[in-house]
Amino acid sequence: MIESVTERSGAWKYAALSEIRKIASKNPGAMLLTEQLRAMVEPIIGAPPNDGRAWGGVMIKAMNLGLVENSLQKRGAVTSHGGQKTVWVMKKELPLISYSEQAKEFIKNCVRGQ
């Protein structure tokens, strides 16, 4: 279910991954909740275009790409009434991310708009 929501997010998910990569490279070892990353990323790229649950899929993709790691710790999230959520560790060694041409164009246009 979450994967289908994320897939419908189009180029936005690539922009989100790009911003997560920047945050991780500037804050290696930092332990953050998804809601904390959202608070840093959404002012730059905007909210997911179709569904806030797209962040779940983005975080799984970020983990699979090696940008973040599951700390196996949980912490209460303000945005979900204190519900226990995964604490992510920002990775020190970051792989290169291959973006589709559509995502590159989207990111280039976002940079022009700043």
N, C-alpha and C. Protein backbone atom coordinates (compact mmCIF):
# COMPACT_ATOMS: atom_id res chain seq x y z
N MET A 1 0.82 -1.19 0.00
CA MET A 1 0.00 0.00 0.00
C MET A 1 0.87 1.26 0.00
N ILE A 2 1.83 1.34 0.93
CA ILE A 2 2.67 2.53 1.02
C ILE A 2 3.47 2.70 -0.27
N GLU A 3 3.97 1.60 -0.85
CA GLU A 3 4.73 1.71 -2.09
C GLU A 3 3.89 2.31 -3.20
N SER A 4 2.62 1.95 -3.29
CA SER A 4 1.78 2.49 -4.35
C SER A 4 1.54 3.98 -4.14
N VAL A 5 1.42 4.41 -2.87
CA VAL A 5 1.24 5.84 -2.58
C VAL A 5 2.49 6.59 -2.99
N THR A 6 3.67 6.05 -2.65
CA THR A 6 4.93 6.70 -2.98
C THR A 6 5.14 6.75 -4.48
N GLU A 7 4.83 5.66 -5.17
CA GLU A 7 5.01 5.63 -6.62
C GLU A 7 4.18 6.71 -7.31
N ARG A 8 2.99 7.01 -6.78
CA ARG A 8 2.15 8.05 -7.37
C ARG A 8 2.65 9.46 -7.05
N SER A 9 3.70 9.55 -6.24
CA SER A 9 4.24 10.86 -5.88
C SER A 9 5.16 11.43 -6.95
N GLY A 10 5.47 10.65 -7.96
CA GLY A 10 6.26 11.14 -9.08
C GLY A 10 7.63 11.67 -8.68
N ALA A 11 8.01 12.78 -9.30
CA ALA A 11 9.34 13.35 -9.09
C ALA A 11 9.51 13.88 -7.67
N TRP A 12 8.41 14.13 -6.97
CA TRP A 12 8.52 14.63 -5.60
C TRP A 12 9.37 13.71 -4.72
N LYS A 13 9.20 12.39 -4.88
CA LYS A 13 9.94 11.45 -4.04
C LYS A 13 11.44 11.57 -4.28
N TYR A 14 11.85 11.86 -5.51
CA TYR A 14 13.27 12.01 -5.80
C TYR A 14 13.82 13.30 -5.16
N ALA A 15 13.01 14.33 -5.16
CA ALA A 15 13.41 15.58 -4.50
C ALA A 15 13.53 15.34 -3.00
N ALA A 16 12.60 14.57 -2.42
CA ALA A 16 12.66 14.26 -0.99
C ALA A 16 13.92 13.46 -0.67
N LEU A 17 14.23 12.48 -1.48
CA LEU A 17 15.45 11.69 -1.27
C LEU A 17 16.70 12.54 -1.40
N SER A 18 16.69 13.47 -2.33
CA SER A 18 17.83 14.36 -2.49
C SER A 18 18.03 15.22 -1.24
N GLU A 19 16.96 15.72 -0.68
CA GLU A 19 17.06 16.54 0.53
C GLU A 19 17.49 15.70 1.74
N ILE A 20 16.99 14.47 1.83
CA ILE A 20 17.42 13.58 2.92
C ILE A 20 18.91 13.31 2.81
N ARG A 21 19.39 13.12 1.59
CA ARG A 21 20.82 12.89 1.37
C ARG A 21 21.63 14.09 1.86
N LYS A 22 21.18 15.29 1.57
CA LYS A 22 21.88 16.50 2.02
C LYS A 22 21.90 16.58 3.54
N ILE A 23 20.76 16.29 4.17
CA ILE A 23 20.68 16.34 5.63
C ILE A 23 21.61 15.31 6.24
N ALA A 24 21.60 14.10 5.69
CA ALA A 24 22.46 13.03 6.22
C ALA A 24 23.93 13.39 6.08
N SER A 25 24.31 13.98 4.94
CA SER A 25 25.72 14.31 4.74
C SER A 25 26.19 15.42 5.67
N LYS A 26 25.29 16.31 6.07
CA LYS A 26 25.64 17.40 6.98
C LYS A 26 25.52 16.99 8.45
N ASN A 27 24.81 15.89 8.72
CA ASN A 27 24.53 15.46 10.10
C ASN A 27 24.76 13.97 10.28
N PRO A 28 25.94 13.45 9.90
CA PRO A 28 26.15 12.00 10.03
C PRO A 28 26.00 11.55 11.47
N GLY A 29 25.30 10.45 11.65
CA GLY A 29 25.08 9.90 12.97
C GLY A 29 23.89 10.48 13.71
N ALA A 30 23.30 11.56 13.18
CA ALA A 30 22.12 12.16 13.83
C ALA A 30 20.99 11.15 13.84
N MET A 31 20.21 11.17 14.91
CA MET A 31 19.09 10.25 15.05
C MET A 31 17.81 11.06 14.97
N LEU A 32 17.04 10.84 13.91
CA LEU A 32 15.85 11.65 13.63
C LEU A 32 14.64 10.79 13.33
N LEU A 33 13.49 11.31 13.69
CA LEU A 33 12.22 10.71 13.30
C LEU A 33 11.86 11.22 11.91
N THR A 34 10.99 10.50 11.23
CA THR A 34 10.51 10.96 9.93
C THR A 34 9.87 12.34 10.05
N GLU A 35 9.12 12.59 11.12
CA GLU A 35 8.46 13.90 11.27
C GLU A 35 9.49 15.03 11.37
N GLN A 36 10.66 14.76 11.94
CA GLN A 36 11.70 15.78 12.01
C GLN A 36 12.28 16.06 10.62
N LEU A 37 12.48 14.99 9.84
CA LEU A 37 12.95 15.16 8.47
C LEU A 37 11.92 15.91 7.64
N ARG A 38 10.65 15.55 7.81
CA ARG A 38 9.57 16.25 7.09
C ARG A 38 9.62 17.75 7.37
N ALA A 39 9.82 18.11 8.63
CA ALA A 39 9.84 19.52 9.02
C ALA A 39 11.00 20.27 8.35
N MET A 40 12.07 19.56 8.04
CA MET A 40 13.21 20.18 7.36
C MET A 40 13.04 20.21 5.85
N VAL A 41 12.43 19.17 5.31
CA VAL A 41 12.36 18.98 3.85
C VAL A 41 11.15 19.68 3.22
N GLU A 42 9.99 19.57 3.82
CA GLU A 42 8.77 20.11 3.18
C GLU A 42 8.81 21.61 2.93
N PRO A 43 9.44 22.44 3.77
CA PRO A 43 9.53 23.86 3.41
C PRO A 43 10.32 24.11 2.12
N ILE A 44 11.18 23.16 1.77
CA ILE A 44 12.01 23.29 0.56
C ILE A 44 11.30 22.76 -0.67
N ILE A 45 10.71 21.55 -0.56
CA ILE A 45 10.12 20.91 -1.74
C ILE A 45 8.60 20.84 -1.72
N GLY A 46 8.01 21.18 -0.60
CA GLY A 46 6.55 21.09 -0.48
C GLY A 46 6.12 19.74 0.05
N ALA A 47 4.86 19.66 0.42
CA ALA A 47 4.28 18.41 0.93
C ALA A 47 4.11 17.42 -0.22
N PRO A 48 3.98 16.14 0.10
CA PRO A 48 3.72 15.16 -0.97
C PRO A 48 2.49 15.59 -1.77
N PRO A 49 2.54 15.45 -3.07
CA PRO A 49 1.45 15.94 -3.91
C PRO A 49 0.13 15.20 -3.77
N ASN A 50 0.17 13.97 -3.28
CA ASN A 50 -1.07 13.19 -3.25
C ASN A 50 -1.45 12.64 -1.89
N ASP A 51 -0.48 12.37 -1.01
CA ASP A 51 -0.81 11.67 0.23
C ASP A 51 0.38 11.76 1.18
N GLY A 52 0.16 12.20 2.40
CA GLY A 52 1.22 12.29 3.40
C GLY A 52 1.89 10.97 3.72
N ARG A 53 1.19 9.88 3.44
CA ARG A 53 1.80 8.56 3.68
C ARG A 53 2.96 8.26 2.75
N ALA A 54 3.13 9.09 1.74
CA ALA A 54 4.25 8.89 0.82
C ALA A 54 5.59 8.94 1.56
N TRP A 55 5.62 9.62 2.70
CA TRP A 55 6.86 9.68 3.48
C TRP A 55 7.30 8.31 3.95
N GLY A 56 6.38 7.41 4.26
CA GLY A 56 6.76 6.06 4.67
C GLY A 56 7.56 5.36 3.59
N GLY A 57 7.07 5.45 2.36
CA GLY A 57 7.78 4.84 1.24
C GLY A 57 9.11 5.51 0.96
N VAL A 58 9.16 6.83 1.13
CA VAL A 58 10.42 7.56 0.92
C VAL A 58 11.46 7.10 1.93
N MET A 59 11.05 6.91 3.18
CA MET A 59 12.01 6.49 4.20
C MET A 59 12.51 5.06 3.94
N ILE A 60 11.63 4.19 3.49
CA ILE A 60 12.07 2.83 3.14
C ILE A 60 13.07 2.89 1.99
N LYS A 61 12.77 3.72 0.99
CA LYS A 61 13.69 3.87 -0.15
C LYS A 61 15.02 4.45 0.33
N ALA A 62 14.98 5.45 1.22
CA ALA A 62 16.21 6.05 1.75
C ALA A 62 17.04 4.99 2.48
N MET A 63 16.37 4.11 3.21
CA MET A 63 17.08 3.03 3.90
C MET A 63 17.70 2.06 2.88
N ASN A 64 16.93 1.69 1.87
CA ASN A 64 17.44 0.77 0.85
C ASN A 64 18.60 1.36 0.06
N LEU A 65 18.62 2.69 -0.08
CA LEU A 65 19.72 3.36 -0.78
C LEU A 65 20.93 3.59 0.12
N GLY A 66 20.76 3.35 1.41
CA GLY A 66 21.87 3.53 2.34
C GLY A 66 22.02 4.95 2.87
N LEU A 67 20.99 5.77 2.70
CA LEU A 67 21.04 7.14 3.22
C LEU A 67 20.79 7.19 4.71
N VAL A 68 19.93 6.30 5.20
CA VAL A 68 19.59 6.22 6.61
C VAL A 68 19.61 4.75 7.04
N GLU A 69 19.65 4.56 8.33
CA GLU A 69 19.62 3.21 8.87
C GLU A 69 18.62 3.17 10.02
N ASN A 70 17.90 2.10 10.14
CA ASN A 70 16.95 1.92 11.24
C ASN A 70 17.77 1.68 12.51
N SER A 71 17.60 2.54 13.50
CA SER A 71 18.35 2.43 14.75
C SER A 71 17.82 1.32 15.64
N LEU A 72 16.66 0.77 15.30
CA LEU A 72 15.95 -0.22 16.10
C LEU A 72 15.42 0.39 17.41
N GLN A 73 15.43 1.71 17.47
CA GLN A 73 14.85 2.43 18.60
C GLN A 73 13.55 3.08 18.16
N LYS A 74 12.69 3.34 19.11
CA LYS A 74 11.42 4.02 18.85
C LYS A 74 11.36 5.25 19.74
N ARG A 75 10.63 6.26 19.26
CA ARG A 75 10.42 7.48 20.02
C ARG A 75 9.03 7.99 19.72
N GLY A 76 8.40 8.61 20.68
CA GLY A 76 7.07 9.17 20.48
C GLY A 76 7.10 10.32 19.49
N ALA A 77 6.18 10.31 18.55
CA ALA A 77 6.09 11.35 17.53
C ALA A 77 4.96 12.31 17.87
N VAL A 78 5.26 13.59 17.87
CA VAL A 78 4.27 14.62 18.18
C VAL A 78 3.12 14.57 17.19
N THR A 79 3.42 14.35 15.92
CA THR A 79 2.40 14.40 14.87
C THR A 79 1.46 13.20 14.88
N SER A 80 1.77 12.20 15.69
CA SER A 80 0.86 11.04 15.77
C SER A 80 0.51 10.75 17.22
N HIS A 81 0.24 11.81 17.97
CA HIS A 81 -0.23 11.70 19.35
C HIS A 81 0.67 10.85 20.23
N GLY A 82 1.98 10.99 20.02
CA GLY A 82 2.95 10.26 20.85
C GLY A 82 3.17 8.82 20.45
N GLY A 83 2.59 8.42 19.32
CA GLY A 83 2.78 7.05 18.85
C GLY A 83 4.26 6.75 18.61
N GLN A 84 4.68 5.57 18.94
CA GLN A 84 6.08 5.18 18.80
C GLN A 84 6.45 5.00 17.33
N LYS A 85 7.50 5.71 16.92
CA LYS A 85 7.93 5.68 15.52
C LYS A 85 9.42 5.35 15.44
N THR A 86 9.84 4.88 14.29
CA THR A 86 11.23 4.52 14.05
C THR A 86 12.14 5.73 14.15
N VAL A 87 13.27 5.53 14.83
CA VAL A 87 14.32 6.55 14.87
C VAL A 87 15.35 6.14 13.80
N TRP A 88 15.60 7.06 12.88
CA TRP A 88 16.53 6.82 11.77
C TRP A 88 17.88 7.43 12.09
N VAL A 89 18.94 6.72 11.72
CA VAL A 89 20.30 7.23 11.88
C VAL A 89 20.76 7.71 10.51
N MET A 90 21.21 8.96 10.44
CA MET A 90 21.74 9.49 9.19
C MET A 90 23.10 8.82 8.94
N LYS A 91 23.28 8.29 7.75
CA LYS A 91 24.48 7.52 7.42
C LYS A 91 25.66 8.43 7.11
N LYS A 92 26.84 7.99 7.50
CA LYS A 92 28.06 8.76 7.27
C LYS A 92 28.56 8.62 5.84
N GLU A 93 28.57 7.41 5.33
CA GLU A 93 29.02 7.18 3.96
C GLU A 93 27.81 7.10 3.06
N LEU A 94 27.75 8.05 2.13
CA LEU A 94 26.55 8.14 1.30
C LEU A 94 26.83 7.68 -0.13
N PRO A 95 25.97 6.82 -0.64
CA PRO A 95 26.11 6.40 -2.03
C PRO A 95 25.58 7.48 -2.97
N LEU A 96 25.97 7.38 -4.21
CA LEU A 96 25.39 8.25 -5.22
C LEU A 96 24.00 7.75 -5.54
N ILE A 97 23.10 8.68 -5.82
CA ILE A 97 21.74 8.31 -6.18
C ILE A 97 21.56 8.58 -7.66
N SER A 98 21.04 7.60 -8.37
CA SER A 98 20.73 7.79 -9.78
C SER A 98 19.30 8.27 -9.90
N TYR A 99 19.11 9.40 -10.54
CA TYR A 99 17.78 9.96 -10.71
C TYR A 99 17.33 9.79 -12.16
N SER A 100 16.05 9.63 -12.33
CA SER A 100 15.52 9.58 -13.68
C SER A 100 15.61 10.97 -14.29
N GLU A 101 15.51 11.06 -15.58
CA GLU A 101 15.57 12.37 -16.25
C GLU A 101 14.44 13.27 -15.78
N GLN A 102 13.28 12.71 -15.53
CA GLN A 102 12.15 13.49 -15.05
C GLN A 102 12.48 14.13 -13.70
N ALA A 103 13.09 13.36 -12.82
CA ALA A 103 13.43 13.88 -11.49
C ALA A 103 14.51 14.95 -11.60
N LYS A 104 15.50 14.74 -12.47
CA LYS A 104 16.54 15.75 -12.65
C LYS A 104 15.94 17.07 -13.12
N GLU A 105 15.01 16.99 -14.05
CA GLU A 105 14.36 18.20 -14.56
C GLU A 105 13.55 18.88 -13.45
N PHE A 106 12.84 18.10 -12.65
CA PHE A 106 12.06 18.64 -11.54
C PHE A 106 12.97 19.38 -10.55
N ILE A 107 14.08 18.74 -10.18
CA ILE A 107 15.01 19.35 -9.22
C ILE A 107 15.65 20.60 -9.82
N LYS A 108 16.00 20.55 -11.08
CA LYS A 108 16.60 21.72 -11.74
C LYS A 108 15.61 22.89 -11.73
N ASN A 109 14.35 22.63 -11.98
CA ASN A 109 13.34 23.67 -11.96
C ASN A 109 13.12 24.23 -10.56
N CYS A 110 13.21 23.36 -9.54
CA CYS A 110 13.07 23.83 -8.16
C CYS A 110 14.21 24.78 -7.80
N VAL A 111 15.42 24.45 -8.25
CA VAL A 111 16.58 25.29 -7.96
C VAL A 111 16.42 26.64 -8.66
N ARG A 112 15.94 26.65 -9.89
CA ARG A 112 15.72 27.90 -10.61
C ARG A 112 14.71 28.79 -9.89
N GLY A 113 13.72 28.16 -9.28
CA GLY A 113 12.65 28.91 -8.62
C GLY A 113 13.08 29.57 -7.31
N GLN A 114 14.25 29.20 -6.78
CA GLN A 114 14.69 29.74 -5.49
C GLN A 114 15.29 31.11 -5.63
